[in-house]
Amino acid sequence: MKVLNSIKQRLISALAILILMAAVVLCNARFPLALNFVIAVISVMAVWEISAALQLTRQIALVVPSMVLAAVLPFLSGLFGQGFVLFVYTVVLFSAMILYHSVITFREVAIIYSMTMLIPTALQSLVLLRELGGTHGMFHVIVAIFAAWVADAGAYIFGSLFGKHKLCPSISPKKTVEGAIGGVIVDVLIMLLFGVIFQDIYWNRTVHVNYFILGAIGFFGALLSMLGDLSFSIIKRSCHIKDFSELIPGHGGILDRFDSVIFVAPFVCLLLKMVPMVYE
């Protein structure tokens, strides 16, 4: 009964997230900043969660500038604007360390600085993907997000059904080798299916999809998804917590849901800067 309730919670939360994503996609044409706002909110909450996990919320001089950076970064697309904000953030944080050196340690600065540089900048790549894709930008965003989430779901299902050999028992006891392999296979297949739906159904073959690139995103996205999941699992274990928060019933916190996206989205962005995924 407890397992069924847990699955029910996960499904309801997943449906709510999918509805939010659908709303952002549908609003993109008339209100493109919707994606920026959503990424900004997710980034701010993620920075707060990692600060709380690391017990740094009392360091206002570090947390507030970090959350401000997380809120502002998704709205900056130019290299100058991004570089300027990151420079100011760096100056503010290290100035705070000097001014409050009696209560703020370099270790605290280094931890929150590295996490804030990682999380918001990685999530910002979703906005960059939308801009990179032009007319098909939101398809790029959907592919990047689902390349992370599908791998996680596939690994969970295959691991539950066939899992026998532990993948990293000291980090995440429930993850199995069979689950990891299943996650890769499912991710590749779903990415190819996305291509078929987008090319043949949504655009009625008026555009063409690079299936090789979609397959590569599925394969490497699944591996990077596991890397992100395991990396943040180590952080949670070092902080002696099960989840980063209880914001999303059945899933945990924002970071529990987006830890894999943090690693997959920049990869997809870099890959599509070199090779297009959709062409006329």
Protein backbone atom coordinates (compact mmCIF):
# COMPACT_ATOMS: atom_id res chain seq x y z
CA MET A 1 0.00 0.00 0.00
CA LYS A 2 2.84 2.36 0.87
CA VAL A 3 4.53 1.63 -2.47
CA LEU A 4 1.28 2.28 -4.38
CA ASN A 5 0.80 5.60 -2.58
CA SER A 6 4.38 6.57 -3.42
CA ILE A 7 3.84 5.72 -7.11
CA LYS A 8 0.56 7.67 -7.08
CA GLN A 9 2.29 10.71 -5.60
CA ARG A 10 5.06 10.51 -8.20
CA LEU A 11 2.55 10.25 -11.05
CA ILE A 12 0.46 13.19 -9.82
CA SER A 13 3.57 15.35 -9.36
CA ALA A 14 4.91 14.31 -12.77
CA LEU A 15 1.57 15.21 -14.37
CA ALA A 16 1.64 18.65 -12.72
CA ILE A 17 5.17 19.24 -14.03
CA LEU A 18 4.14 18.14 -17.53
CA ILE A 19 1.15 20.52 -17.46
CA LEU A 20 3.47 23.38 -16.47
CA MET A 21 5.85 22.48 -19.30
CA ALA A 22 2.96 22.31 -21.77
CA ALA A 23 1.78 25.75 -20.65
CA VAL A 24 5.27 27.21 -21.18
CA VAL A 25 5.48 25.64 -24.65
CA LEU A 26 2.03 26.93 -25.66
CA CYS A 27 2.79 30.42 -24.29
CA ASN A 28 6.14 30.65 -26.05
CA ALA A 29 4.86 32.32 -29.22
CA ARG A 30 2.99 35.11 -27.41
CA PHE A 31 5.01 35.32 -24.22
CA PRO A 32 8.53 33.90 -24.78
CA LEU A 33 9.71 35.20 -21.41
CA ALA A 34 7.58 32.48 -19.75
CA LEU A 35 10.46 30.05 -20.11
CA ASN A 36 12.91 32.58 -18.67
CA PHE A 37 10.67 33.16 -15.65
CA VAL A 38 10.23 29.43 -15.01
CA ILE A 39 13.98 28.78 -15.28
CA ALA A 40 14.66 31.74 -12.97
CA VAL A 41 12.25 30.42 -10.32
CA ILE A 42 13.70 26.89 -10.58
CA SER A 43 17.26 28.26 -10.32
CA VAL A 44 16.46 30.39 -7.27
CA MET A 45 14.78 27.50 -5.50
CA ALA A 46 17.63 25.16 -6.40
CA VAL A 47 20.22 27.57 -4.96
CA TRP A 48 18.14 27.87 -1.78
CA GLU A 49 17.87 24.08 -1.49
CA ILE A 50 21.60 23.51 -1.89
CA SER A 51 22.29 26.31 0.62
CA ALA A 52 19.89 24.72 3.11
CA ALA A 53 21.38 21.26 2.58
CA LEU A 54 24.87 22.64 3.23
CA GLN A 55 23.57 24.63 6.24
CA LEU A 56 24.60 27.94 4.72
CA THR A 57 21.26 29.78 4.86
CA ARG A 58 22.45 31.73 7.89
CA GLN A 59 25.15 33.34 5.72
CA ILE A 60 22.89 36.02 4.23
CA ALA A 61 25.81 37.82 2.60
CA LEU A 62 26.46 34.69 0.52
CA VAL A 63 22.97 33.33 -0.06
CA VAL A 64 21.22 36.54 -1.16
CA PRO A 65 23.73 37.44 -3.94
CA SER A 66 23.64 33.81 -5.09
CA MET A 67 19.85 33.84 -5.36
CA VAL A 68 19.92 37.20 -7.14
CA LEU A 69 22.36 35.79 -9.70
CA ALA A 70 20.12 32.74 -10.17
CA ALA A 71 17.12 35.02 -10.77
CA VAL A 72 18.88 37.36 -13.23
CA LEU A 73 20.96 34.96 -15.32
CA PRO A 74 18.11 33.36 -17.35
CA PHE A 75 17.22 36.80 -18.73
CA LEU A 76 20.73 37.49 -20.07
CA SER A 77 21.68 36.13 -23.47
CA GLY A 78 24.67 38.22 -24.51
CA LEU A 79 28.19 37.29 -23.47
CA PHE A 80 28.85 40.79 -22.15
CA GLY A 81 25.78 40.80 -19.91
CA GLN A 82 26.49 37.33 -18.57
CA GLY A 83 30.17 38.07 -18.03
CA PHE A 84 29.40 41.35 -16.27
CA VAL A 85 26.89 39.75 -13.87
CA LEU A 86 29.20 36.82 -13.09
CA PHE A 87 32.08 39.22 -12.45
CA VAL A 88 29.96 41.36 -10.11
CA TYR A 89 28.78 38.22 -8.30
CA THR A 90 32.38 37.06 -7.83
CA VAL A 91 33.43 40.46 -6.46
CA VAL A 92 30.46 40.62 -4.09
CA LEU A 93 31.03 37.14 -2.68
CA PHE A 94 34.74 37.55 -2.04
CA SER A 95 34.19 41.05 -0.66
CA ALA A 96 31.72 39.51 1.78
CA MET A 97 34.36 36.99 2.80
CA ILE A 98 36.79 39.83 3.56
CA LEU A 99 34.26 42.02 5.35
CA TYR A 100 32.85 39.18 7.46
CA HIS A 101 35.94 36.98 7.69
CA SER A 102 35.24 36.30 11.34
CA VAL A 103 31.99 34.48 10.53
CA ILE A 104 32.35 33.50 6.85
CA THR A 105 34.97 30.93 5.93
CA PHE A 106 36.62 30.38 2.57
CA ARG A 107 35.16 26.87 2.53
CA GLU A 108 31.64 28.29 2.69
CA VAL A 109 32.40 30.80 -0.06
CA ALA A 110 33.97 28.14 -2.27
CA ILE A 111 31.03 25.74 -1.85
CA ILE A 112 28.22 28.20 -2.52
CA TYR A 113 30.21 29.91 -5.29
CA SER A 114 30.82 26.64 -7.14
CA MET A 115 27.24 25.43 -6.73
CA THR A 116 25.78 28.77 -7.85
CA MET A 117 28.08 28.91 -10.86
CA LEU A 118 27.07 25.36 -11.77
CA ILE A 119 23.30 25.24 -11.24
CA PRO A 120 21.92 28.52 -12.71
CA THR A 121 24.40 28.58 -15.61
CA ALA A 122 23.57 24.97 -16.50
CA LEU A 123 19.82 25.61 -16.35
CA GLN A 124 20.27 28.79 -18.37
CA SER A 125 21.39 26.60 -21.27
CA LEU A 126 17.71 25.67 -21.68
CA VAL A 127 17.01 29.31 -22.56
CA LEU A 128 20.01 29.32 -24.90
CA LEU A 129 18.67 26.16 -26.56
CA ARG A 130 15.36 27.91 -27.24
CA GLU A 131 17.19 30.82 -28.86
CA LEU A 132 19.53 28.51 -30.77
CA GLY A 133 16.62 26.56 -32.27
CA GLY A 134 14.77 29.58 -33.64
CA THR A 135 11.33 28.44 -34.80
CA HIS A 136 12.00 24.99 -33.39
CA GLY A 137 13.58 26.24 -30.18
CA MET A 138 11.04 24.76 -27.78
CA PHE A 139 11.55 21.33 -29.39
CA HIS A 140 15.23 21.67 -28.46
CA VAL A 141 14.24 22.49 -24.87
CA ILE A 142 11.84 19.54 -24.65
CA VAL A 143 14.48 17.15 -25.99
CA ALA A 144 17.08 18.37 -23.47
CA ILE A 145 14.74 18.02 -20.49
CA PHE A 146 13.28 14.68 -21.48
CA ALA A 147 16.68 13.25 -22.38
CA ALA A 148 17.40 13.55 -18.65
CA TRP A 149 14.01 12.55 -17.27
CA VAL A 150 13.31 9.62 -19.62
CA ALA A 151 16.66 8.05 -18.72
CA ASP A 152 15.79 8.34 -15.05
CA ALA A 153 12.32 6.83 -15.56
CA GLY A 154 13.66 4.04 -17.77
CA ALA A 155 16.36 3.16 -15.24
CA TYR A 156 13.75 3.10 -12.46
CA ILE A 157 11.40 0.79 -14.38
CA PHE A 158 14.08 -1.59 -15.66
CA GLY A 159 15.82 -1.60 -12.29
CA SER A 160 12.57 -2.45 -10.51
CA LEU A 161 11.79 -5.28 -12.93
CA PHE A 162 15.19 -6.77 -13.71
CA GLY A 163 17.70 -5.17 -11.33
CA LYS A 164 20.10 -7.65 -9.71
CA HIS A 165 23.56 -6.08 -9.84
CA LYS A 166 24.12 -2.89 -7.84
CA LEU A 167 25.59 0.03 -9.78
CA CYS A 168 26.95 2.20 -6.96
CA PRO A 169 25.68 0.70 -3.69
CA SER A 170 27.64 3.07 -1.47
CA ILE A 171 26.17 6.12 -3.25
CA SER A 172 22.68 5.07 -4.34
CA PRO A 173 21.74 1.55 -3.16
CA LYS A 174 18.65 1.25 -5.37
CA LYS A 175 20.42 1.87 -8.69
CA THR A 176 21.37 -1.22 -10.68
CA VAL A 177 23.42 -2.04 -13.76
CA GLU A 178 20.32 -3.44 -15.44
CA GLY A 179 18.46 -0.23 -14.68
CA ALA A 180 21.27 1.87 -16.15
CA ILE A 181 21.32 -0.17 -19.36
CA GLY A 182 17.52 0.02 -19.60
CA GLY A 183 17.66 3.77 -19.07
CA VAL A 184 20.06 4.18 -22.00
CA ILE A 185 17.97 2.00 -24.32
CA VAL A 186 14.68 3.70 -23.42
CA ASP A 187 16.23 7.16 -23.74
CA VAL A 188 17.54 6.48 -27.25
CA LEU A 189 14.21 5.02 -28.38
CA ILE A 190 12.14 7.88 -26.94
CA MET A 191 14.41 10.51 -28.50
CA LEU A 192 13.97 8.83 -31.90
CA LEU A 193 10.21 8.69 -31.29
CA PHE A 194 10.23 12.42 -30.51
CA GLY A 195 11.89 12.94 -33.88
CA VAL A 196 9.20 10.94 -35.70
CA ILE A 197 6.39 12.84 -33.94
CA PHE A 198 7.99 16.22 -34.57
CA GLN A 199 8.91 15.60 -38.21
CA ASP A 200 6.10 13.38 -39.53
CA ILE A 201 3.12 14.41 -37.39
CA TYR A 202 3.66 17.92 -36.03
CA TRP A 203 5.33 19.38 -39.16
CA ASN A 204 3.92 16.86 -41.65
CA ARG A 205 7.42 16.25 -43.09
CA THR A 206 7.96 19.89 -44.03
CA VAL A 207 11.07 19.81 -41.85
CA HIS A 208 13.69 17.11 -41.37
CA VAL A 209 15.15 15.77 -38.15
CA ASN A 210 18.68 14.48 -37.73
CA TYR A 211 18.00 11.09 -36.14
CA PHE A 212 21.69 10.42 -35.60
CA ILE A 213 21.92 13.50 -33.37
CA LEU A 214 18.74 12.52 -31.52
CA GLY A 215 20.16 9.05 -30.92
CA ALA A 216 23.40 10.57 -29.64
CA ILE A 217 21.45 12.83 -27.31
CA GLY A 218 19.56 9.80 -26.01
CA PHE A 219 22.71 7.76 -25.45
CA PHE A 220 24.99 10.39 -23.93
CA GLY A 221 22.08 12.14 -22.25
CA ALA A 222 21.30 8.95 -20.33
CA LEU A 223 24.92 8.64 -19.19
CA LEU A 224 25.07 12.29 -18.15
CA SER A 225 21.72 11.94 -16.41
CA MET A 226 23.19 9.18 -14.24
CA LEU A 227 26.28 11.33 -13.60
CA GLY A 228 24.13 14.20 -12.37
CA ASP A 229 21.92 11.95 -10.27
CA LEU A 230 24.87 10.20 -8.61
CA SER A 231 26.78 13.45 -8.08
CA PHE A 232 23.92 15.05 -6.19
CA SER A 233 23.30 11.78 -4.34
CA ILE A 234 26.83 12.11 -2.94
CA ILE A 235 26.03 15.69 -1.89
CA LYS A 236 22.87 14.51 -0.12
CA ARG A 237 24.74 11.70 1.64
CA SER A 238 27.44 14.10 2.80
CA CYS A 239 24.68 16.36 4.15
CA HIS A 240 22.85 13.39 5.75
CA ILE A 241 19.56 14.10 3.96
CA LYS A 242 17.30 11.92 1.81
CA ASP A 243 15.90 14.71 -0.40
CA PHE A 244 16.77 18.36 -0.90
CA SER A 245 13.23 19.31 0.16
CA GLU A 246 9.64 18.03 0.08
CA LEU A 247 8.42 20.55 -2.46
CA ILE A 248 7.42 17.94 -5.09
CA PRO A 249 5.55 15.02 -3.46
CA GLY A 250 7.06 11.68 -4.44
CA HIS A 251 10.10 13.32 -6.05
CA GLY A 252 11.67 15.50 -3.36
CA GLY A 253 12.89 18.99 -4.11
CA ILE A 254 13.67 20.98 -7.23
CA LEU A 255 17.23 19.66 -7.24
CA ASP A 256 16.01 16.07 -6.90
CA ARG A 257 14.04 16.59 -10.11
CA PHE A 258 16.55 18.73 -12.03
CA ASP A 259 19.92 17.30 -10.93
CA SER A 260 20.19 15.27 -14.14
CA VAL A 261 19.01 18.18 -16.32
CA ILE A 262 21.89 20.27 -14.93
CA PHE A 263 24.31 17.91 -16.67
CA VAL A 264 22.31 17.04 -19.79
CA ALA A 265 21.11 20.49 -20.92
CA PRO A 266 24.60 22.06 -21.42
CA PHE A 267 25.68 18.96 -23.37
CA VAL A 268 22.69 19.24 -25.71
CA CYS A 269 23.34 22.96 -26.13
CA LEU A 270 27.00 22.43 -27.02
CA LEU A 271 26.18 19.57 -29.39
CA LEU A 272 23.50 21.51 -31.28
CA LYS A 273 25.80 24.50 -31.62
CA MET A 274 28.04 22.23 -33.72
CA VAL A 275 25.45 20.13 -35.56
CA PRO A 276 21.81 21.12 -36.19
CA MET A 277 19.07 18.75 -35.05
CA VAL A 278 16.31 20.19 -37.26
CA TYR A 279 16.74 21.53 -40.79
CA GLU A 280 14.37 22.66 -43.53
